Amino acid sequence: MAMKGMTIIVKNVTALLSGLVFLYGCYIVLHGHLTPGGGFAGGIIIAGSFILLVIANGIQYFRLNKEKEESSLFEGAGIFCFLVLATGGLLLAVPVFFKNLLPGGTPGELFSAGIIPIYNIFIGIEVAAALLSIFLAFVIFKTED
């Protein structure tokens, strides 16, 4: 059975590193209101962890084809949840777009920004899924030519 992708050493190192890159991306998303970063930067880092796996293992490992729509599903779900939260204030008694629905905390603490970290999570999901969709489209259409 012919293995596609890179050598076994590269595959094993990439499996370890992609997990660490994924965790770092989650850290950037969750601490975006305290440090530089947030949903966009963390989403790009998270997408990079999946892109590393695709590059090291080849597309046959993930059984990628033109019909795969999981990343598009996550992209749509992320932006939908973001818009639901943004319009949540309009649906309540106070007609304010992007209304902070959660209480504020102590400045500098992880739970100090109200609803902003939740916005960062959904933006991170949307950005990661969109960037991964773009990369997968390039890879899938390139290999099928």
N, C-alpha and C. Protein backbone atom coordinates (compact mmCIF):
# COMPACT_ATOMS: atom_id res chain seq x y z
N MET A 1 0.85 -1.18 0.00
CA MET A 1 0.00 0.00 0.00
C MET A 1 0.89 1.23 0.00
N ALA A 2 0.74 2.07 -0.98
CA ALA A 2 1.56 3.27 -1.11
C ALA A 2 1.03 4.38 -0.20
N MET A 3 1.92 4.93 0.60
CA MET A 3 1.55 6.03 1.49
C MET A 3 1.72 7.34 0.76
N LYS A 4 0.77 8.21 0.87
CA LYS A 4 0.86 9.54 0.28
C LYS A 4 1.28 10.52 1.35
N GLY A 5 1.84 11.63 0.93
CA GLY A 5 2.27 12.64 1.89
C GLY A 5 3.77 12.57 2.10
N MET A 6 4.21 13.11 3.21
CA MET A 6 5.63 13.18 3.52
C MET A 6 6.07 11.96 4.33
N THR A 7 7.30 11.98 4.82
CA THR A 7 7.83 10.84 5.56
C THR A 7 7.13 10.69 6.90
N ILE A 8 7.33 9.53 7.52
CA ILE A 8 6.68 9.24 8.80
C ILE A 8 7.18 10.17 9.90
N ILE A 9 8.42 10.60 9.82
CA ILE A 9 8.95 11.53 10.82
C ILE A 9 8.23 12.87 10.72
N VAL A 10 8.08 13.36 9.52
CA VAL A 10 7.38 14.64 9.32
C VAL A 10 5.93 14.53 9.77
N LYS A 11 5.30 13.41 9.48
CA LYS A 11 3.90 13.21 9.89
C LYS A 11 3.75 13.21 11.41
N ASN A 12 4.65 12.52 12.10
CA ASN A 12 4.57 12.46 13.57
C ASN A 12 4.86 13.80 14.21
N VAL A 13 5.88 14.50 13.72
CA VAL A 13 6.20 15.82 14.27
C VAL A 13 5.07 16.80 13.99
N THR A 14 4.50 16.72 12.80
CA THR A 14 3.39 17.60 12.46
C THR A 14 2.15 17.31 13.31
N ALA A 15 1.91 16.06 13.62
CA ALA A 15 0.77 15.72 14.48
C ALA A 15 0.93 16.34 15.86
N LEU A 16 2.14 16.32 16.38
CA LEU A 16 2.40 16.94 17.68
C LEU A 16 2.31 18.46 17.59
N LEU A 17 2.96 19.03 16.60
CA LEU A 17 2.99 20.49 16.49
C LEU A 17 1.63 21.07 16.14
N SER A 18 0.85 20.37 15.34
CA SER A 18 -0.46 20.92 14.98
C SER A 18 -1.37 21.01 16.20
N GLY A 19 -1.25 20.06 17.11
CA GLY A 19 -2.01 20.14 18.36
C GLY A 19 -1.61 21.34 19.20
N LEU A 20 -0.30 21.58 19.27
CA LEU A 20 0.18 22.74 20.03
C LEU A 20 -0.23 24.06 19.37
N VAL A 21 -0.17 24.10 18.04
CA VAL A 21 -0.59 25.30 17.31
C VAL A 21 -2.09 25.53 17.52
N PHE A 22 -2.88 24.46 17.51
CA PHE A 22 -4.31 24.58 17.75
C PHE A 22 -4.59 25.14 19.14
N LEU A 23 -3.90 24.62 20.15
CA LEU A 23 -4.09 25.13 21.51
C LEU A 23 -3.67 26.59 21.63
N TYR A 24 -2.59 26.97 20.96
CA TYR A 24 -2.17 28.37 20.99
C TYR A 24 -3.21 29.26 20.31
N GLY A 25 -3.80 28.79 19.22
CA GLY A 25 -4.87 29.55 18.56
C GLY A 25 -6.07 29.72 19.47
N CYS A 26 -6.42 28.67 20.20
CA CYS A 26 -7.53 28.78 21.17
C CYS A 26 -7.20 29.78 22.27
N TYR A 27 -5.95 29.78 22.72
CA TYR A 27 -5.52 30.75 23.73
C TYR A 27 -5.65 32.18 23.20
N ILE A 28 -5.24 32.41 21.98
CA ILE A 28 -5.33 33.75 21.39
C ILE A 28 -6.78 34.18 21.27
N VAL A 29 -7.66 33.27 20.88
CA VAL A 29 -9.09 33.60 20.77
C VAL A 29 -9.67 33.95 22.13
N LEU A 30 -9.39 33.13 23.13
CA LEU A 30 -10.00 33.32 24.44
C LEU A 30 -9.45 34.52 25.21
N HIS A 31 -8.21 34.91 24.93
CA HIS A 31 -7.61 36.03 25.64
C HIS A 31 -7.53 37.28 24.77
N GLY A 32 -8.32 37.35 23.71
CA GLY A 32 -8.27 38.47 22.78
C GLY A 32 -8.68 39.79 23.38
N HIS A 33 -9.48 39.79 24.42
CA HIS A 33 -9.90 41.04 25.06
C HIS A 33 -8.88 41.54 26.07
N LEU A 34 -7.89 40.71 26.39
CA LEU A 34 -6.86 41.09 27.36
C LEU A 34 -5.52 41.38 26.71
N THR A 35 -5.21 40.69 25.63
CA THR A 35 -3.93 40.80 24.95
C THR A 35 -4.17 41.04 23.47
N PRO A 36 -3.13 41.41 22.73
CA PRO A 36 -3.31 41.53 21.28
C PRO A 36 -3.73 40.19 20.68
N GLY A 37 -4.66 40.23 19.81
CA GLY A 37 -5.18 39.01 19.20
C GLY A 37 -6.68 39.07 19.20
N GLY A 38 -7.30 37.95 19.26
CA GLY A 38 -8.75 37.88 19.25
C GLY A 38 -9.22 36.83 18.28
N GLY A 39 -10.45 36.97 17.82
CA GLY A 39 -11.06 35.98 16.96
C GLY A 39 -10.39 35.84 15.61
N PHE A 40 -10.02 36.96 15.01
CA PHE A 40 -9.42 36.88 13.67
C PHE A 40 -8.05 36.24 13.72
N ALA A 41 -7.17 36.76 14.57
CA ALA A 41 -5.81 36.23 14.66
C ALA A 41 -5.81 34.78 15.14
N GLY A 42 -6.62 34.48 16.14
CA GLY A 42 -6.70 33.11 16.64
C GLY A 42 -7.28 32.16 15.60
N GLY A 43 -8.26 32.63 14.82
CA GLY A 43 -8.84 31.80 13.77
C GLY A 43 -7.83 31.45 12.69
N ILE A 44 -6.97 32.39 12.36
CA ILE A 44 -5.93 32.12 11.37
C ILE A 44 -4.95 31.08 11.91
N ILE A 45 -4.59 31.18 13.17
CA ILE A 45 -3.67 30.21 13.78
C ILE A 45 -4.31 28.82 13.84
N ILE A 46 -5.59 28.76 14.18
CA ILE A 46 -6.29 27.47 14.24
C ILE A 46 -6.36 26.84 12.86
N ALA A 47 -6.67 27.64 11.84
CA ALA A 47 -6.69 27.10 10.47
C ALA A 47 -5.31 26.60 10.08
N GLY A 48 -4.27 27.30 10.52
CA GLY A 48 -2.91 26.87 10.22
C GLY A 48 -2.59 25.50 10.78
N SER A 49 -3.17 25.15 11.93
CA SER A 49 -2.92 23.82 12.49
C SER A 49 -3.51 22.73 11.60
N PHE A 50 -4.68 22.96 11.03
CA PHE A 50 -5.27 21.98 10.13
C PHE A 50 -4.55 21.94 8.79
N ILE A 51 -4.10 23.09 8.34
CA ILE A 51 -3.36 23.16 7.07
C ILE A 51 -2.05 22.38 7.19
N LEU A 52 -1.39 22.45 8.35
CA LEU A 52 -0.17 21.65 8.56
C LEU A 52 -0.45 20.16 8.38
N LEU A 53 -1.57 19.70 8.94
CA LEU A 53 -1.92 18.28 8.81
C LEU A 53 -2.17 17.88 7.36
N VAL A 54 -2.83 18.73 6.61
CA VAL A 54 -3.11 18.43 5.21
C VAL A 54 -1.82 18.39 4.40
N ILE A 55 -0.91 19.33 4.67
CA ILE A 55 0.34 19.37 3.92
C ILE A 55 1.19 18.14 4.23
N ALA A 56 1.28 17.75 5.49
CA ALA A 56 2.14 16.63 5.88
C ALA A 56 1.58 15.28 5.45
N ASN A 57 0.27 15.09 5.55
CA ASN A 57 -0.33 13.78 5.31
C ASN A 57 -0.89 13.60 3.92
N GLY A 58 -1.06 14.66 3.16
CA GLY A 58 -1.66 14.54 1.84
C GLY A 58 -3.17 14.51 1.93
N ILE A 59 -3.82 14.78 0.83
CA ILE A 59 -5.27 14.86 0.86
C ILE A 59 -5.94 13.50 0.91
N GLN A 60 -5.24 12.44 0.53
CA GLN A 60 -5.84 11.11 0.58
C GLN A 60 -6.09 10.67 2.02
N TYR A 61 -5.28 11.14 2.95
CA TYR A 61 -5.43 10.78 4.36
C TYR A 61 -6.76 11.28 4.92
N PHE A 62 -7.18 12.46 4.49
CA PHE A 62 -8.43 13.05 4.97
C PHE A 62 -9.61 12.77 4.05
N ARG A 63 -9.37 12.04 2.97
CA ARG A 63 -10.41 11.71 1.99
C ARG A 63 -11.13 12.97 1.51
N LEU A 64 -10.35 13.94 1.08
CA LEU A 64 -10.93 15.20 0.63
C LEU A 64 -11.40 15.09 -0.81
N ASN A 65 -12.54 15.68 -1.09
CA ASN A 65 -13.03 15.79 -2.45
C ASN A 65 -13.88 17.05 -2.56
N LYS A 66 -14.43 17.31 -3.73
CA LYS A 66 -15.18 18.55 -3.95
C LYS A 66 -16.47 18.61 -3.13
N GLU A 67 -16.97 17.49 -2.66
CA GLU A 67 -18.24 17.48 -1.95
C GLU A 67 -18.10 17.75 -0.45
N LYS A 68 -16.90 17.87 0.07
CA LYS A 68 -16.73 18.12 1.50
C LYS A 68 -17.23 19.52 1.84
N GLU A 69 -18.14 19.59 2.81
CA GLU A 69 -18.73 20.88 3.17
C GLU A 69 -18.69 21.15 4.66
N GLU A 70 -17.89 20.40 5.42
CA GLU A 70 -17.86 20.60 6.86
C GLU A 70 -17.32 21.98 7.22
N SER A 71 -16.26 22.42 6.55
CA SER A 71 -15.71 23.73 6.87
C SER A 71 -16.68 24.84 6.50
N SER A 72 -17.43 24.67 5.42
CA SER A 72 -18.44 25.66 5.07
C SER A 72 -19.58 25.68 6.08
N LEU A 73 -19.90 24.52 6.64
CA LEU A 73 -20.93 24.45 7.68
C LEU A 73 -20.48 25.21 8.92
N PHE A 74 -19.22 25.02 9.34
CA PHE A 74 -18.71 25.74 10.51
C PHE A 74 -18.62 27.23 10.23
N GLU A 75 -18.26 27.58 9.00
CA GLU A 75 -18.19 29.00 8.64
C GLU A 75 -19.56 29.66 8.76
N GLY A 76 -20.58 29.03 8.22
CA GLY A 76 -21.92 29.57 8.30
C GLY A 76 -22.46 29.60 9.72
N ALA A 77 -22.17 28.55 10.49
CA ALA A 77 -22.64 28.51 11.88
C ALA A 77 -21.97 29.57 12.73
N GLY A 78 -20.69 29.81 12.51
CA GLY A 78 -19.97 30.83 13.27
C GLY A 78 -20.52 32.23 13.03
N ILE A 79 -20.75 32.57 11.78
CA ILE A 79 -21.25 33.91 11.48
C ILE A 79 -22.71 34.04 11.89
N PHE A 80 -23.49 32.96 11.80
CA PHE A 80 -24.88 33.00 12.24
C PHE A 80 -24.97 33.25 13.74
N CYS A 81 -24.18 32.52 14.53
CA CYS A 81 -24.20 32.71 15.98
C CYS A 81 -23.73 34.11 16.36
N PHE A 82 -22.75 34.63 15.64
CA PHE A 82 -22.28 35.99 15.88
C PHE A 82 -23.41 36.99 15.64
N LEU A 83 -24.13 36.83 14.56
CA LEU A 83 -25.22 37.76 14.24
C LEU A 83 -26.39 37.62 15.22
N VAL A 84 -26.65 36.40 15.69
CA VAL A 84 -27.71 36.21 16.68
C VAL A 84 -27.35 36.95 17.97
N LEU A 85 -26.10 36.83 18.40
CA LEU A 85 -25.67 37.55 19.61
C LEU A 85 -25.71 39.06 19.40
N ALA A 86 -25.30 39.51 18.22
CA ALA A 86 -25.28 40.95 17.95
C ALA A 86 -26.68 41.54 17.94
N THR A 87 -27.64 40.80 17.43
CA THR A 87 -29.01 41.31 17.40
C THR A 87 -29.78 40.96 18.66
N GLY A 88 -29.16 40.24 19.58
CA GLY A 88 -29.84 39.89 20.83
C GLY A 88 -30.31 41.10 21.61
N GLY A 89 -29.50 42.16 21.60
CA GLY A 89 -29.91 43.38 22.27
C GLY A 89 -31.11 44.04 21.62
N LEU A 90 -31.25 43.89 20.31
CA LEU A 90 -32.41 44.46 19.63
C LEU A 90 -33.69 43.72 19.99
N LEU A 91 -33.57 42.43 20.27
CA LEU A 91 -34.74 41.62 20.57
C LEU A 91 -35.21 41.77 22.02
N LEU A 92 -34.33 42.27 22.87
CA LEU A 92 -34.69 42.47 24.27
C LEU A 92 -35.34 43.85 24.45
N ALA A 93 -35.60 44.22 25.67
CA ALA A 93 -36.28 45.49 25.95
C ALA A 93 -35.44 46.69 25.54
N VAL A 94 -34.10 46.57 25.60
CA VAL A 94 -33.22 47.69 25.25
C VAL A 94 -32.83 47.55 23.79
N PRO A 95 -33.33 48.41 22.90
CA PRO A 95 -33.03 48.26 21.48
C PRO A 95 -31.63 48.78 21.12
N VAL A 96 -30.62 47.98 21.41
CA VAL A 96 -29.24 48.35 21.12
C VAL A 96 -28.57 47.19 20.39
N PHE A 97 -27.98 47.50 19.23
CA PHE A 97 -27.22 46.50 18.48
C PHE A 97 -25.89 46.28 19.19
N PHE A 98 -25.43 45.05 19.30
CA PHE A 98 -24.21 44.67 20.04
C PHE A 98 -24.32 45.01 21.52
N LYS A 99 -25.49 44.87 22.11
CA LYS A 99 -25.69 45.12 23.54
C LYS A 99 -24.96 44.06 24.35
N ASN A 100 -24.23 44.50 25.38
CA ASN A 100 -23.55 43.57 26.27
C ASN A 100 -24.59 42.91 27.16
N LEU A 101 -24.84 41.63 26.92
CA LEU A 101 -25.87 40.92 27.65
C LEU A 101 -25.37 40.28 28.93
N LEU A 102 -24.06 40.25 29.12
CA LEU A 102 -23.48 39.64 30.31
C LEU A 102 -22.92 40.72 31.22
N PRO A 103 -22.88 40.47 32.51
CA PRO A 103 -22.32 41.48 33.41
C PRO A 103 -20.80 41.59 33.25
N GLY A 104 -20.28 42.79 33.45
CA GLY A 104 -18.84 43.00 33.40
C GLY A 104 -18.19 42.47 34.67
N GLY A 105 -16.92 42.25 34.61
CA GLY A 105 -16.20 41.73 35.77
C GLY A 105 -15.09 42.67 36.17
N THR A 106 -14.11 42.15 36.84
CA THR A 106 -12.95 42.92 37.26
C THR A 106 -12.02 43.12 36.06
N PRO A 107 -11.62 44.35 35.76
CA PRO A 107 -10.71 44.57 34.63
C PRO A 107 -9.42 43.77 34.77
N GLY A 108 -8.99 43.16 33.68
CA GLY A 108 -7.78 42.34 33.67
C GLY A 108 -8.03 40.87 33.91
N GLU A 109 -9.22 40.51 34.33
CA GLU A 109 -9.57 39.10 34.55
C GLU A 109 -10.08 38.49 33.24
N LEU A 110 -10.07 37.16 33.18
CA LEU A 110 -10.51 36.47 31.96
C LEU A 110 -11.98 36.73 31.67
N PHE A 111 -12.81 36.75 32.70
CA PHE A 111 -14.25 36.98 32.51
C PHE A 111 -14.60 38.43 32.85
N SER A 112 -13.90 39.37 32.24
CA SER A 112 -14.12 40.78 32.56
C SER A 112 -14.73 41.57 31.42
N ALA A 113 -14.93 40.97 30.28
CA ALA A 113 -15.34 41.74 29.11
C ALA A 113 -16.77 41.50 28.69
N GLY A 114 -17.56 40.87 29.52
CA GLY A 114 -18.95 40.63 29.16
C GLY A 114 -19.06 39.64 28.01
N ILE A 115 -19.66 40.08 26.92
CA ILE A 115 -19.95 39.19 25.80
C ILE A 115 -18.86 39.20 24.72
N ILE A 116 -17.85 40.05 24.87
CA ILE A 116 -16.80 40.15 23.86
C ILE A 116 -16.05 38.84 23.66
N PRO A 117 -15.67 38.09 24.71
CA PRO A 117 -15.01 36.81 24.45
C PRO A 117 -15.87 35.82 23.66
N ILE A 118 -17.17 35.87 23.85
CA ILE A 118 -18.05 34.99 23.08
C ILE A 118 -18.06 35.41 21.62
N TYR A 119 -18.07 36.73 21.36
CA TYR A 119 -17.93 37.20 19.99
C TYR A 119 -16.62 36.71 19.38
N ASN A 120 -15.53 36.78 20.16
CA ASN A 120 -14.23 36.32 19.66
C ASN A 120 -14.25 34.84 19.30
N ILE A 121 -14.95 34.03 20.08
CA ILE A 121 -15.03 32.60 19.80
C ILE A 121 -15.72 32.36 18.46
N PHE A 122 -16.84 33.02 18.23
CA PHE A 122 -17.56 32.80 16.97
C PHE A 122 -16.81 33.39 15.78
N ILE A 123 -16.13 34.50 15.96
CA ILE A 123 -15.31 35.05 14.88
C ILE A 123 -14.16 34.10 14.58
N GLY A 124 -13.54 33.53 15.62
CA GLY A 124 -12.47 32.57 15.42
C GLY A 124 -12.92 31.35 14.65
N ILE A 125 -14.10 30.83 14.97
CA ILE A 125 -14.64 29.68 14.24
C ILE A 125 -14.87 30.04 12.78
N GLU A 126 -15.44 31.21 12.54
CA GLU A 126 -15.74 31.62 11.17
C GLU A 126 -14.48 31.83 10.35
N VAL A 127 -13.49 32.51 10.92
CA VAL A 127 -12.25 32.79 10.20
C VAL A 127 -11.48 31.50 9.94
N ALA A 128 -11.39 30.61 10.93
CA ALA A 128 -10.68 29.35 10.74
C ALA A 128 -11.34 28.52 9.65
N ALA A 129 -12.66 28.44 9.68
CA ALA A 129 -13.37 27.65 8.67
C ALA A 129 -13.25 28.26 7.29
N ALA A 130 -13.30 29.59 7.19
CA ALA A 130 -13.19 30.25 5.89
C ALA A 130 -11.80 30.05 5.30
N LEU A 131 -10.76 30.25 6.10
CA LEU A 131 -9.40 30.09 5.59
C LEU A 131 -9.12 28.63 5.23
N LEU A 132 -9.61 27.70 6.04
CA LEU A 132 -9.44 26.29 5.71
C LEU A 132 -10.20 25.93 4.44
N SER A 133 -11.39 26.49 4.24
CA SER A 133 -12.16 26.23 3.01
C SER A 133 -11.40 26.72 1.78
N ILE A 134 -10.81 27.90 1.89
CA ILE A 134 -10.05 28.44 0.76
C ILE A 134 -8.85 27.55 0.45
N PHE A 135 -8.11 27.15 1.49
CA PHE A 135 -6.96 26.28 1.28
C PHE A 135 -7.37 24.95 0.68
N LEU A 136 -8.42 24.34 1.22
CA LEU A 136 -8.87 23.05 0.71
C LEU A 136 -9.36 23.15 -0.73
N ALA A 137 -9.99 24.26 -1.08
CA ALA A 137 -10.42 24.44 -2.47
C ALA A 137 -9.22 24.48 -3.40
N PHE A 138 -8.16 25.18 -3.00
CA PHE A 138 -6.95 25.20 -3.81
C PHE A 138 -6.35 23.81 -3.95
N VAL A 139 -6.26 23.08 -2.84
CA VAL A 139 -5.65 21.75 -2.87
C VAL A 139 -6.47 20.77 -3.66
N ILE A 140 -7.77 20.75 -3.45
CA ILE A 140 -8.64 19.78 -4.12
C ILE A 140 -8.67 20.03 -5.61
N PHE A 141 -8.84 21.29 -6.03
CA PHE A 141 -8.92 21.56 -7.47
C PHE A 141 -7.57 21.41 -8.15
N LYS A 142 -6.48 21.61 -7.42
CA LYS A 142 -5.15 21.44 -8.00
C LYS A 142 -4.88 19.96 -8.25
N THR A 143 -5.24 19.10 -7.29
CA THR A 143 -4.94 17.67 -7.45
C THR A 143 -5.87 16.98 -8.44
N GLU A 144 -7.04 17.55 -8.72
CA GLU A 144 -7.96 16.92 -9.66
C GLU A 144 -7.70 17.33 -11.10
N ASP A 145 -6.83 18.29 -11.31
CA ASP A 145 -6.49 18.69 -12.69
C ASP A 145 -5.54 17.72 -13.34
